[in-house]
N, C-alpha and C. Protein backbone atom coordinates (compact mmCIF):
# COMPACT_ATOMS: atom_id res chain seq x y z
N MET A 1 -102.26 50.02 -128.10
CA MET A 1 -102.37 51.49 -128.11
C MET A 1 -101.29 51.94 -127.11
N PRO A 2 -100.44 53.08 -127.77
CA PRO A 2 -99.54 53.72 -126.84
C PRO A 2 -100.16 54.25 -125.54
N SER A 3 -101.18 54.64 -125.53
CA SER A 3 -101.96 55.34 -124.39
C SER A 3 -102.03 54.36 -123.24
N GLU A 4 -102.38 53.18 -123.65
CA GLU A 4 -102.36 52.01 -122.57
C GLU A 4 -101.07 51.80 -121.94
N ASN A 5 -99.91 51.56 -122.81
CA ASN A 5 -98.66 51.50 -122.30
C ASN A 5 -98.20 52.72 -121.30
N THR A 6 -98.51 53.88 -121.76
CA THR A 6 -98.32 55.16 -120.97
C THR A 6 -99.13 54.98 -119.58
N CYS A 7 -100.27 54.67 -119.68
CA CYS A 7 -101.20 54.51 -118.59
C CYS A 7 -100.44 53.47 -117.46
N VAL A 8 -100.10 52.40 -118.00
CA VAL A 8 -99.46 51.50 -117.02
C VAL A 8 -98.15 52.13 -116.38
N ASP A 9 -97.37 52.64 -117.33
CA ASP A 9 -96.23 53.29 -116.73
C ASP A 9 -96.43 54.30 -115.76
N VAL A 10 -97.49 55.07 -116.06
CA VAL A 10 -97.86 56.17 -115.04
C VAL A 10 -98.24 55.69 -113.70
N ILE A 11 -99.12 54.48 -113.81
CA ILE A 11 -99.56 53.94 -112.44
C ILE A 11 -98.46 53.21 -111.90
N ASN A 12 -97.52 52.52 -112.54
CA ASN A 12 -96.28 51.89 -111.77
C ASN A 12 -95.39 53.02 -111.30
N GLN A 13 -95.29 54.07 -111.85
CA GLN A 13 -94.38 55.19 -111.29
C GLN A 13 -95.16 55.81 -110.03
N THR A 14 -96.58 55.87 -110.21
CA THR A 14 -97.19 56.49 -109.04
C THR A 14 -97.07 55.49 -107.92
N GLU A 15 -97.17 54.10 -108.04
CA GLU A 15 -96.94 53.28 -106.81
C GLU A 15 -95.69 53.54 -106.34
N PHE A 16 -94.70 53.57 -107.01
CA PHE A 16 -93.25 53.66 -106.69
C PHE A 16 -93.14 54.80 -105.75
N GLU A 17 -93.72 55.94 -106.24
CA GLU A 17 -93.54 57.16 -105.59
C GLU A 17 -94.47 57.15 -104.13
N GLU A 18 -95.58 56.44 -104.30
CA GLU A 18 -96.44 56.37 -102.99
C GLU A 18 -95.68 55.55 -102.05
N GLU A 19 -94.85 54.57 -102.38
CA GLU A 19 -94.12 53.65 -101.63
C GLU A 19 -93.01 54.46 -100.88
N SER A 20 -92.28 55.25 -101.80
CA SER A 20 -91.21 55.99 -101.33
C SER A 20 -91.57 57.13 -100.24
N ARG A 21 -92.73 57.63 -100.57
CA ARG A 21 -93.20 58.68 -99.65
C ARG A 21 -93.67 58.20 -98.25
N SER A 22 -94.43 56.94 -98.27
CA SER A 22 -94.75 56.21 -97.06
C SER A 22 -93.70 55.81 -96.35
N GLN A 23 -92.46 55.48 -96.92
CA GLN A 23 -91.31 55.15 -96.16
C GLN A 23 -90.78 56.31 -95.62
N ASN A 24 -90.71 57.49 -96.21
CA ASN A 24 -90.26 58.48 -95.58
C ASN A 24 -91.17 59.20 -94.68
N GLN A 25 -92.37 58.84 -94.75
CA GLN A 25 -93.52 59.46 -93.97
C GLN A 25 -93.60 60.76 -94.21
N LEU A 26 -93.52 61.45 -95.39
CA LEU A 26 -93.64 62.80 -95.78
C LEU A 26 -95.13 63.19 -95.81
N VAL A 27 -95.79 62.22 -96.29
CA VAL A 27 -97.35 62.59 -96.51
C VAL A 27 -98.06 61.56 -95.80
N GLY A 28 -99.39 61.77 -95.55
CA GLY A 28 -100.31 60.77 -94.89
C GLY A 28 -101.18 60.15 -96.09
N ASP A 29 -102.29 59.60 -95.78
CA ASP A 29 -103.05 59.04 -96.87
C ASP A 29 -103.69 60.32 -97.66
N SER A 30 -103.76 60.18 -98.87
CA SER A 30 -104.34 61.02 -99.87
C SER A 30 -105.03 60.34 -101.07
N ASP A 31 -105.98 61.23 -101.71
CA ASP A 31 -106.56 60.75 -102.85
C ASP A 31 -105.39 60.48 -103.91
N PRO A 32 -105.87 59.29 -104.71
CA PRO A 32 -104.80 58.90 -105.89
C PRO A 32 -104.82 60.29 -106.75
N PRO A 33 -103.60 60.50 -107.40
CA PRO A 33 -103.35 61.42 -108.18
C PRO A 33 -104.37 61.42 -109.38
N LEU A 34 -104.63 62.82 -109.84
CA LEU A 34 -105.72 62.82 -110.95
C LEU A 34 -105.47 62.08 -112.11
N ILE A 35 -104.00 62.15 -112.49
CA ILE A 35 -103.73 61.28 -113.80
C ILE A 35 -104.02 59.77 -113.54
N GLU A 36 -103.90 59.29 -112.37
CA GLU A 36 -104.11 57.95 -112.11
C GLU A 36 -105.70 57.58 -112.18
N ARG A 37 -106.70 58.32 -111.80
CA ARG A 37 -107.93 58.37 -111.95
C ARG A 37 -108.41 58.33 -113.36
N GLU A 38 -107.81 59.34 -114.02
CA GLU A 38 -108.09 59.44 -115.68
C GLU A 38 -107.57 58.17 -116.09
N CYS A 39 -106.59 57.51 -115.92
CA CYS A 39 -106.04 56.45 -116.45
C CYS A 39 -107.21 55.27 -116.16
N VAL A 40 -107.57 55.12 -114.97
CA VAL A 40 -108.58 54.02 -114.51
C VAL A 40 -109.70 54.29 -115.48
N SER A 41 -110.18 55.49 -115.57
CA SER A 41 -111.53 55.64 -116.35
C SER A 41 -111.30 55.48 -117.90
N MET A 42 -109.97 55.74 -118.33
CA MET A 42 -109.60 55.55 -119.90
C MET A 42 -109.77 54.00 -119.97
N ARG A 43 -109.29 53.22 -119.12
CA ARG A 43 -109.24 51.77 -119.22
C ARG A 43 -110.72 51.15 -119.15
N GLU A 44 -111.49 51.74 -118.33
CA GLU A 44 -112.93 51.30 -118.19
C GLU A 44 -113.65 51.62 -119.66
N LYS A 45 -113.39 52.82 -120.16
CA LYS A 45 -113.89 53.21 -121.59
C LYS A 45 -113.42 52.29 -122.58
N THR A 46 -112.15 51.79 -122.52
CA THR A 46 -111.61 51.06 -123.63
C THR A 46 -112.32 49.57 -123.45
N THR A 47 -112.57 48.99 -122.27
CA THR A 47 -113.11 47.84 -122.06
C THR A 47 -114.45 47.62 -122.58
N LYS A 48 -115.29 48.86 -122.35
CA LYS A 48 -116.72 48.88 -122.85
C LYS A 48 -116.75 48.80 -124.15
N SER A 49 -116.07 49.53 -124.99
CA SER A 49 -115.99 49.68 -126.37
C SER A 49 -115.31 48.46 -127.10
């Protein structure tokens, strides 16, 4: 499914951005982006069905 591939790309991109931000120390700890949480819940739904 294309949505799964997109999901992985989004999470990889998010991890890269988190790493860059932590290196620059522009932001402190924060909740994961909403899109990442949606991705996780999407994967859980796919696994159940």
